Amino acid sequence: MPKIPAPKHPKCHPDRSLHCQEAIEAEFQSLADRAHAAGWSREEVATALMELADNYFLAMNSNAEMFELGAGVVLLARKSH
């Protein structure tokens, strides 16, 4: 499996998102091709990849939001008797 190249620019670079797309494009296309070869239609594969990406993004943001909302909250464990 080919290695995905590491970023070459800082997070604030305007083309970083494009460079990330270029870095993972071959793996993305390979995954789509393998799913199609397994019998899934191109439309099914495209829909599944979009939904997976959307779910990944939502989960990532909900975890970050949970930590932001929970900042300053202290949970106390009950004493066992």
PDB file of N, CA and C in Angstrom:
ATOM      1  N   MET A   1       0.846  -1.171   0.000  1.00  0.00           N
ATOM      2  CA  MET A   1       0.000   0.000   0.000  1.00  0.00           C
ATOM      3  C   MET A   1       0.896   1.239   0.000  1.00  0.00           C
ATOM      4  N   PRO A   2       0.627   2.170  -0.942  1.00  0.00           N
ATOM      5  CA  PRO A   2       1.466   3.370  -1.008  1.00  0.00           C
ATOM      6  C   PRO A   2       1.290   4.253   0.221  1.00  0.00           C
ATOM      7  N   LYS A   3       2.350   4.937   0.551  1.00  0.00           N
ATOM      8  CA  LYS A   3       2.313   5.838   1.703  1.00  0.00           C
ATOM      9  C   LYS A   3       1.668   7.164   1.300  1.00  0.00           C
ATOM     10  N   ILE A   4       0.802   7.666   2.150  1.00  0.00           N
ATOM     11  CA  ILE A   4       0.194   8.974   1.916  1.00  0.00           C
ATOM     12  C   ILE A   4       1.193  10.033   2.368  1.00  0.00           C
ATOM     13  N   PRO A   5       1.511  10.982   1.483  1.00  0.00           N
ATOM     14  CA  PRO A   5       2.491  11.998   1.864  1.00  0.00           C
ATOM     15  C   PRO A   5       1.996  12.898   2.992  1.00  0.00           C
ATOM     16  N   ALA A   6       2.918  13.298   3.818  1.00  0.00           N
ATOM     17  CA  ALA A   6       2.619  14.216   4.927  1.00  0.00           C
ATOM     18  C   ALA A   6       2.433  15.632   4.385  1.00  0.00           C
ATOM     19  N   PRO A   7       1.755  16.473   5.138  1.00  0.00           N
ATOM     20  CA  PRO A   7       1.597  17.873   4.706  1.00  0.00           C
ATOM     21  C   PRO A   7       2.946  18.568   4.596  1.00  0.00           C
ATOM     22  N   LYS A   8       3.026  19.475   3.626  1.00  0.00           N
ATOM     23  CA  LYS A   8       4.271  20.224   3.420  1.00  0.00           C
ATOM     24  C   LYS A   8       4.122  21.681   3.849  1.00  0.00           C
ATOM     25  N   HIS A   9       2.891  22.061   4.207  1.00  0.00           N
ATOM     26  CA  HIS A   9       2.627  23.455   4.565  1.00  0.00           C
ATOM     27  C   HIS A   9       1.930  23.509   5.922  1.00  0.00           C
ATOM     28  N   PRO A  10       1.996  24.647   6.608  1.00  0.00           N
ATOM     29  CA  PRO A  10       1.302  24.789   7.896  1.00  0.00           C
ATOM     30  C   PRO A  10      -0.219  24.795   7.696  1.00  0.00           C
ATOM     31  N   LYS A  11      -0.949  24.585   8.778  1.00  0.00           N
ATOM     32  CA  LYS A  11      -2.417  24.512   8.718  1.00  0.00           C
ATOM     33  C   LYS A  11      -3.053  25.776   8.144  1.00  0.00           C
ATOM     34  N   CYS A  12      -2.415  26.893   8.267  1.00  0.00           N
ATOM     35  CA  CYS A  12      -2.983  28.149   7.782  1.00  0.00           C
ATOM     36  C   CYS A  12      -2.776  28.374   6.278  1.00  0.00           C
ATOM     37  N   HIS A  13      -2.064  27.478   5.603  1.00  0.00           N
ATOM     38  CA  HIS A  13      -1.783  27.651   4.179  1.00  0.00           C
ATOM     39  C   HIS A  13      -3.085  27.554   3.384  1.00  0.00           C
ATOM     40  N   PRO A  14      -3.312  28.477   2.431  1.00  0.00           N
ATOM     41  CA  PRO A  14      -4.586  28.488   1.704  1.00  0.00           C
ATOM     42  C   PRO A  14      -4.837  27.258   0.818  1.00  0.00           C
ATOM     43  N   ASP A  15      -3.791  26.577   0.390  1.00  0.00           N
ATOM     44  CA  ASP A  15      -3.964  25.411  -0.481  1.00  0.00           C
ATOM     45  C   ASP A  15      -3.855  24.081   0.250  1.00  0.00           C
ATOM     46  N   ARG A  16      -3.796  24.122   1.568  1.00  0.00           N
ATOM     47  CA  ARG A  16      -3.602  22.881   2.327  1.00  0.00           C
ATOM     48  C   ARG A  16      -4.711  21.862   2.074  1.00  0.00           C
ATOM     49  N   SER A  17      -5.962  22.301   2.001  1.00  0.00           N
ATOM     50  CA  SER A  17      -7.072  21.385   1.734  1.00  0.00           C
ATOM     51  C   SER A  17      -6.911  20.719   0.368  1.00  0.00           C
ATOM     52  N   LEU A  18      -6.540  21.495  -0.621  1.00  0.00           N
ATOM     53  CA  LEU A  18      -6.313  20.951  -1.966  1.00  0.00           C
ATOM     54  C   LEU A  18      -5.160  19.946  -1.943  1.00  0.00           C
ATOM     55  N   HIS A  19      -4.094  20.263  -1.233  1.00  0.00           N
ATOM     56  CA  HIS A  19      -2.945  19.355  -1.142  1.00  0.00           C
ATOM     57  C   HIS A  19      -3.344  18.054  -0.436  1.00  0.00           C
ATOM     58  N   CYS A  20      -4.206  18.138   0.561  1.00  0.00           N
ATOM     59  CA  CYS A  20      -4.694  16.939   1.241  1.00  0.00           C
ATOM     60  C   CYS A  20      -5.483  16.069   0.263  1.00  0.00           C
ATOM     61  N   GLN A  21      -6.346  16.706  -0.532  1.00  0.00           N
ATOM     62  CA  GLN A  21      -7.102  15.955  -1.536  1.00  0.00           C
ATOM     63  C   GLN A  21      -6.169  15.243  -2.509  1.00  0.00           C
ATOM     64  N   GLU A  22      -5.152  15.934  -2.952  1.00  0.00           N
ATOM     65  CA  GLU A  22      -4.182  15.328  -3.871  1.00  0.00           C
ATOM     66  C   GLU A  22      -3.449  14.167  -3.205  1.00  0.00           C
ATOM     67  N   ALA A  23      -3.158  14.302  -1.918  1.00  0.00           N
ATOM     68  CA  ALA A  23      -2.409  13.275  -1.192  1.00  0.00           C
ATOM     69  C   ALA A  23      -3.217  11.987  -1.028  1.00  0.00           C
ATOM     70  N   ILE A  24      -4.532  12.109  -0.872  1.00  0.00           N
ATOM     71  CA  ILE A  24      -5.343  10.908  -0.613  1.00  0.00           C
ATOM     72  C   ILE A  24      -6.146  10.445  -1.834  1.00  0.00           C
ATOM     73  N   GLU A  25      -6.029  11.146  -2.946  1.00  0.00           N
ATOM     74  CA  GLU A  25      -6.835  10.826  -4.128  1.00  0.00           C
ATOM     75  C   GLU A  25      -6.612   9.407  -4.639  1.00  0.00           C
ATOM     76  N   ALA A  26      -5.381   8.961  -4.708  1.00  0.00           N
ATOM     77  CA  ALA A  26      -5.100   7.614  -5.231  1.00  0.00           C
ATOM     78  C   ALA A  26      -5.732   6.537  -4.346  1.00  0.00           C
ATOM     79  N   GLU A  27      -5.639   6.701  -3.020  1.00  0.00           N
ATOM     80  CA  GLU A  27      -6.250   5.735  -2.096  1.00  0.00           C
ATOM     81  C   GLU A  27      -7.776   5.767  -2.205  1.00  0.00           C
ATOM     82  N   PHE A  28      -8.318   6.955  -2.334  1.00  0.00           N
ATOM     83  CA  PHE A  28      -9.761   7.124  -2.482  1.00  0.00           C
ATOM     84  C   PHE A  28     -10.240   6.418  -3.745  1.00  0.00           C
ATOM     85  N   GLN A  29      -9.553   6.661  -4.854  1.00  0.00           N
ATOM     86  CA  GLN A  29      -9.933   6.044  -6.133  1.00  0.00           C
ATOM     87  C   GLN A  29      -9.774   4.525  -6.065  1.00  0.00           C
ATOM     88  N   SER A  30      -8.731   4.065  -5.415  1.00  0.00           N
ATOM     89  CA  SER A  30      -8.517   2.625  -5.260  1.00  0.00           C
ATOM     90  C   SER A  30      -9.658   1.982  -4.472  1.00  0.00           C
ATOM     91  N   LEU A  31     -10.080   2.624  -3.384  1.00  0.00           N
ATOM     92  CA  LEU A  31     -11.190   2.116  -2.588  1.00  0.00           C
ATOM     93  C   LEU A  31     -12.470   2.069  -3.420  1.00  0.00           C
ATOM     94  N   ALA A  32     -12.747   3.141  -4.156  1.00  0.00           N
ATOM     95  CA  ALA A  32     -13.942   3.191  -4.998  1.00  0.00           C
ATOM     96  C   ALA A  32     -13.898   2.097  -6.065  1.00  0.00           C
ATOM     97  N   ASP A  33     -12.754   1.912  -6.680  1.00  0.00           N
ATOM     98  CA  ASP A  33     -12.605   0.876  -7.710  1.00  0.00           C
ATOM     99  C   ASP A  33     -12.792  -0.524  -7.136  1.00  0.00           C
ATOM    100  N   ARG A  34     -12.242  -0.774  -5.946  1.00  0.00           N
ATOM    101  CA  ARG A  34     -12.393  -2.096  -5.327  1.00  0.00           C
ATOM    102  C   ARG A  34     -13.842  -2.366  -4.964  1.00  0.00           C
ATOM    103  N   ALA A  35     -14.548  -1.362  -4.477  1.00  0.00           N
ATOM    104  CA  ALA A  35     -15.968  -1.533  -4.144  1.00  0.00           C
ATOM    105  C   ALA A  35     -16.780  -1.805  -5.409  1.00  0.00           C
ATOM    106  N   HIS A  36     -16.472  -1.088  -6.482  1.00  0.00           N
ATOM    107  CA  HIS A  36     -17.166  -1.314  -7.755  1.00  0.00           C
ATOM    108  C   HIS A  36     -16.874  -2.716  -8.284  1.00  0.00           C
ATOM    109  N   ALA A  37     -15.633  -3.147  -8.193  1.00  0.00           N
ATOM    110  CA  ALA A  37     -15.248  -4.492  -8.652  1.00  0.00           C
ATOM    111  C   ALA A  37     -15.945  -5.581  -7.830  1.00  0.00           C
ATOM    112  N   ALA A  38     -16.297  -5.266  -6.578  1.00  0.00           N
ATOM    113  CA  ALA A  38     -16.984  -6.232  -5.718  1.00  0.00           C
ATOM    114  C   ALA A  38     -18.466  -6.347  -6.073  1.00  0.00           C
ATOM    115  N   GLY A  39     -18.956  -5.450  -6.930  1.00  0.00           N
ATOM    116  CA  GLY A  39     -20.331  -5.550  -7.377  1.00  0.00           C
ATOM    117  C   GLY A  39     -21.218  -4.361  -7.061  1.00  0.00           C
ATOM    118  N   TRP A  40     -20.699  -3.378  -6.345  1.00  0.00           N
ATOM    119  CA  TRP A  40     -21.482  -2.183  -6.048  1.00  0.00           C
ATOM    120  C   TRP A  40     -21.452  -1.253  -7.250  1.00  0.00           C
ATOM    121  N   SER A  41     -22.569  -0.573  -7.516  1.00  0.00           N
ATOM    122  CA  SER A  41     -22.590   0.371  -8.639  1.00  0.00           C
ATOM    123  C   SER A  41     -21.747   1.593  -8.281  1.00  0.00           C
ATOM    124  N   ARG A  42     -21.314   2.323  -9.291  1.00  0.00           N
ATOM    125  CA  ARG A  42     -20.529   3.551  -9.056  1.00  0.00           C
ATOM    126  C   ARG A  42     -21.343   4.555  -8.224  1.00  0.00           C
ATOM    127  N   GLU A  43     -22.651   4.627  -8.491  1.00  0.00           N
ATOM    128  CA  GLU A  43     -23.518   5.535  -7.744  1.00  0.00           C
ATOM    129  C   GLU A  43     -23.607   5.113  -6.282  1.00  0.00           C
ATOM    130  N   GLU A  44     -23.743   3.813  -6.022  1.00  0.00           N
ATOM    131  CA  GLU A  44     -23.791   3.318  -4.639  1.00  0.00           C
ATOM    132  C   GLU A  44     -22.493   3.623  -3.912  1.00  0.00           C
ATOM    133  N   VAL A  45     -21.392   3.423  -4.600  1.00  0.00           N
ATOM    134  CA  VAL A  45     -20.082   3.681  -3.992  1.00  0.00           C
ATOM    135  C   VAL A  45     -19.930   5.170  -3.695  1.00  0.00           C
ATOM    136  N   ALA A  46     -20.285   6.013  -4.657  1.00  0.00           N
ATOM    137  CA  ALA A  46     -20.162   7.459  -4.450  1.00  0.00           C
ATOM    138  C   ALA A  46     -21.035   7.916  -3.286  1.00  0.00           C
ATOM    139  N   THR A  47     -22.257   7.412  -3.230  1.00  0.00           N
ATOM    140  CA  THR A  47     -23.163   7.783  -2.135  1.00  0.00           C
ATOM    141  C   THR A  47     -22.610   7.318  -0.796  1.00  0.00           C
ATOM    142  N   ALA A  48     -22.119   6.080  -0.754  1.00  0.00           N
ATOM    143  CA  ALA A  48     -21.569   5.552   0.500  1.00  0.00           C
ATOM    144  C   ALA A  48     -20.358   6.367   0.951  1.00  0.00           C
ATOM    145  N   LEU A  49     -19.483   6.719   0.027  1.00  0.00           N
ATOM    146  CA  LEU A  49     -18.295   7.497   0.391  1.00  0.00           C
ATOM    147  C   LEU A  49     -18.675   8.888   0.892  1.00  0.00           C
ATOM    148  N   MET A  50     -19.662   9.506   0.261  1.00  0.00           N
ATOM    149  CA  MET A  50     -20.106  10.828   0.723  1.00  0.00           C
ATOM    150  C   MET A  50     -20.725  10.731   2.110  1.00  0.00           C
ATOM    151  N   GLU A  51     -21.546   9.709   2.341  1.00  0.00           N
ATOM    152  CA  GLU A  51     -22.179   9.561   3.653  1.00  0.00           C
ATOM    153  C   GLU A  51     -21.159   9.226   4.734  1.00  0.00           C
ATOM    154  N   LEU A  52     -20.185   8.402   4.391  1.00  0.00           N
ATOM    155  CA  LEU A  52     -19.128   8.086   5.355  1.00  0.00           C
ATOM    156  C   LEU A  52     -18.326   9.340   5.705  1.00  0.00           C
ATOM    157  N   ALA A  53     -17.998  10.143   4.688  1.00  0.00           N
ATOM    158  CA  ALA A  53     -17.252  11.386   4.935  1.00  0.00           C
ATOM    159  C   ALA A  53     -18.074  12.343   5.784  1.00  0.00           C
ATOM    160  N   ASP A  54     -19.369  12.443   5.483  1.00  0.00           N
ATOM    161  CA  ASP A  54     -20.243  13.316   6.257  1.00  0.00           C
ATOM    162  C   ASP A  54     -20.334  12.848   7.705  1.00  0.00           C
ATOM    163  N   ASN A  55     -20.513  11.555   7.910  1.00  0.00           N
ATOM    164  CA  ASN A  55     -20.587  11.007   9.266  1.00  0.00           C
ATOM    165  C   ASN A  55     -19.277  11.206  10.019  1.00  0.00           C
ATOM    166  N   TYR A  56     -18.166  11.030   9.337  1.00  0.00           N
ATOM    167  CA  TYR A  56     -16.848  11.248   9.947  1.00  0.00           C
ATOM    168  C   TYR A  56     -16.726  12.699  10.409  1.00  0.00           C
ATOM    169  N   PHE A  57     -17.140  13.617   9.548  1.00  0.00           N
ATOM    170  CA  PHE A  57     -17.059  15.037   9.866  1.00  0.00           C
ATOM    171  C   PHE A  57     -17.963  15.383  11.045  1.00  0.00           C
ATOM    172  N   LEU A  58     -19.196  14.872  11.015  1.00  0.00           N
ATOM    173  CA  LEU A  58     -20.131  15.146  12.104  1.00  0.00           C
ATOM    174  C   LEU A  58     -19.628  14.575  13.429  1.00  0.00           C
ATOM    175  N   ALA A  59     -19.102  13.359  13.402  1.00  0.00           N
ATOM    176  CA  ALA A  59     -18.588  12.733  14.621  1.00  0.00           C
ATOM    177  C   ALA A  59     -17.386  13.510  15.152  1.00  0.00           C
ATOM    178  N   MET A  60     -16.515  13.926  14.264  1.00  0.00           N
ATOM    179  CA  MET A  60     -15.333  14.681  14.664  1.00  0.00           C
ATOM    180  C   MET A  60     -15.749  15.987  15.322  1.00  0.00           C
ATOM    181  N   ASN A  61     -16.709  16.678  14.731  1.00  0.00           N
ATOM    182  CA  ASN A  61     -17.162  17.956  15.274  1.00  0.00           C
ATOM    183  C   ASN A  61     -17.970  17.778  16.548  1.00  0.00           C
ATOM    184  N   SER A  62     -18.747  16.704  16.637  1.00  0.00           N
ATOM    185  CA  SER A  62     -19.523  16.505  17.864  1.00  0.00           C
ATOM    186  C   SER A  62     -18.610  16.182  19.034  1.00  0.00           C
ATOM    187  N   ASN A  63     -17.534  15.447  18.783  1.00  0.00           N
ATOM    188  CA  ASN A  63     -16.575  15.158  19.856  1.00  0.00           C
ATOM    189  C   ASN A  63     -15.895  16.440  20.328  1.00  0.00           C
ATOM    190  N   ALA A  64     -15.510  17.281  19.394  1.00  0.00           N
ATOM    191  CA  ALA A  64     -14.867  18.554  19.756  1.00  0.00           C
ATOM    192  C   ALA A  64     -15.852  19.436  20.506  1.00  0.00           C
ATOM    193  N   GLU A  65     -17.106  19.470  20.028  1.00  0.00           N
ATOM    194  CA  GLU A  65     -18.120  20.292  20.695  1.00  0.00           C
ATOM    195  C   GLU A  65     -18.405  19.773  22.093  1.00  0.00           C
ATOM    196  N   MET A  66     -18.432  18.447  22.247  1.00  0.00           N
ATOM    197  CA  MET A  66     -18.685  17.862  23.551  1.00  0.00           C
ATOM    198  C   MET A  66     -17.610  18.299  24.545  1.00  0.00           C
ATOM    199  N   PHE A  67     -16.347  18.291  24.107  1.00  0.00           N
ATOM    200  CA  PHE A  67     -15.262  18.699  24.996  1.00  0.00           C
ATOM    201  C   PHE A  67     -15.329  20.190  25.297  1.00  0.00           C
ATOM    202  N   GLU A  68     -15.730  21.005  24.300  1.00  0.00           N
ATOM    203  CA  GLU A  68     -15.858  22.438  24.537  1.00  0.00           C
ATOM    204  C   GLU A  68     -16.983  22.717  25.522  1.00  0.00           C
ATOM    205  N   LEU A  69     -18.125  22.058  25.327  1.00  0.00           N
ATOM    206  CA  LEU A  69     -19.259  22.261  26.224  1.00  0.00           C
ATOM    207  C   LEU A  69     -18.971  21.731  27.621  1.00  0.00           C
ATOM    208  N   GLY A  70     -18.155  20.683  27.681  1.00  0.00           N
ATOM    209  CA  GLY A  70     -17.847  20.078  28.968  1.00  0.00           C
ATOM    210  C   GLY A  70     -16.698  20.727  29.701  1.00  0.00           C
ATOM    211  N   ALA A  71     -16.062  21.689  29.059  1.00  0.00           N
ATOM    212  CA  ALA A  71     -14.937  22.362  29.708  1.00  0.00           C
ATOM    213  C   ALA A  71     -15.420  23.051  30.972  1.00  0.00           C
ATOM    214  N   GLY A  72     -14.757  22.808  32.057  1.00  0.00           N
ATOM    215  CA  GLY A  72     -15.121  23.415  33.318  1.00  0.00           C
ATOM    216  C   GLY A  72     -16.113  22.600  34.124  1.00  0.00           C
ATOM    217  N   VAL A  73     -16.625  21.535  33.539  1.00  0.00           N
ATOM    218  CA  VAL A  73     -17.556  20.675  34.260  1.00  0.00           C
ATOM    219  C   VAL A  73     -16.745  19.630  35.007  1.00  0.00           C
ATOM    220  N   VAL A  74     -17.038  19.459  36.247  1.00  0.00           N
ATOM    221  CA  VAL A  74     -16.330  18.473  37.058  1.00  0.00           C
ATOM    222  C   VAL A  74     -17.324  17.387  37.441  1.00  0.00           C
ATOM    223  N   LEU A  75     -16.978  16.169  37.136  1.00  0.00           N
ATOM    224  CA  LEU A  75     -17.817  15.043  37.526  1.00  0.00           C
ATOM    225  C   LEU A  75     -17.228  14.420  38.781  1.00  0.00           C
ATOM    226  N   LEU A  76     -18.059  14.225  39.768  1.00  0.00           N
ATOM    227  CA  LEU A  76     -17.612  13.637  41.012  1.00  0.00           C
ATOM    228  C   LEU A  76     -18.089  12.191  41.078  1.00  0.00           C
ATOM    229  N   ALA A  77     -17.191  11.321  41.388  1.00  0.00           N
ATOM    230  CA  ALA A  77     -17.550   9.894  41.532  1.00  0.00           C
ATOM    231  C   ALA A  77     -18.223   9.704  42.864  1.00  0.00           C
ATOM    232  N   ARG A  78     -19.234   8.849  42.852  1.00  0.00           N
ATOM    233  CA  ARG A  78     -19.899   8.537  44.116  1.00  0.00           C
ATOM    234  C   ARG A  78     -18.988   7.657  44.949  1.00  0.00           C
ATOM    235  N   LYS A  79     -19.029   7.892  46.235  1.00  0.00           N
ATOM    236  CA  LYS A  79     -18.248   7.057  47.149  1.00  0.00           C
ATOM    237  C   LYS A  79     -18.961   5.716  47.298  1.00  0.00           C
ATOM    238  N   SER A  80     -18.217   4.664  47.163  1.00  0.00           N
ATOM    239  CA  SER A  80     -18.833   3.351  47.374  1.00  0.00           C
ATOM    240  C   SER A  80     -18.851   3.046  48.872  1.00  0.00           C
ATOM    241  N   HIS A  81     -19.933   2.466  49.324  1.00  0.00           N
ATOM    242  CA  HIS A  81     -20.097   2.188  50.754  1.00  0.00           C
ATOM    243  C   HIS A  81     -19.958   0.717  51.016  1.00  0.00           C
TER     244      HIS A  81
END
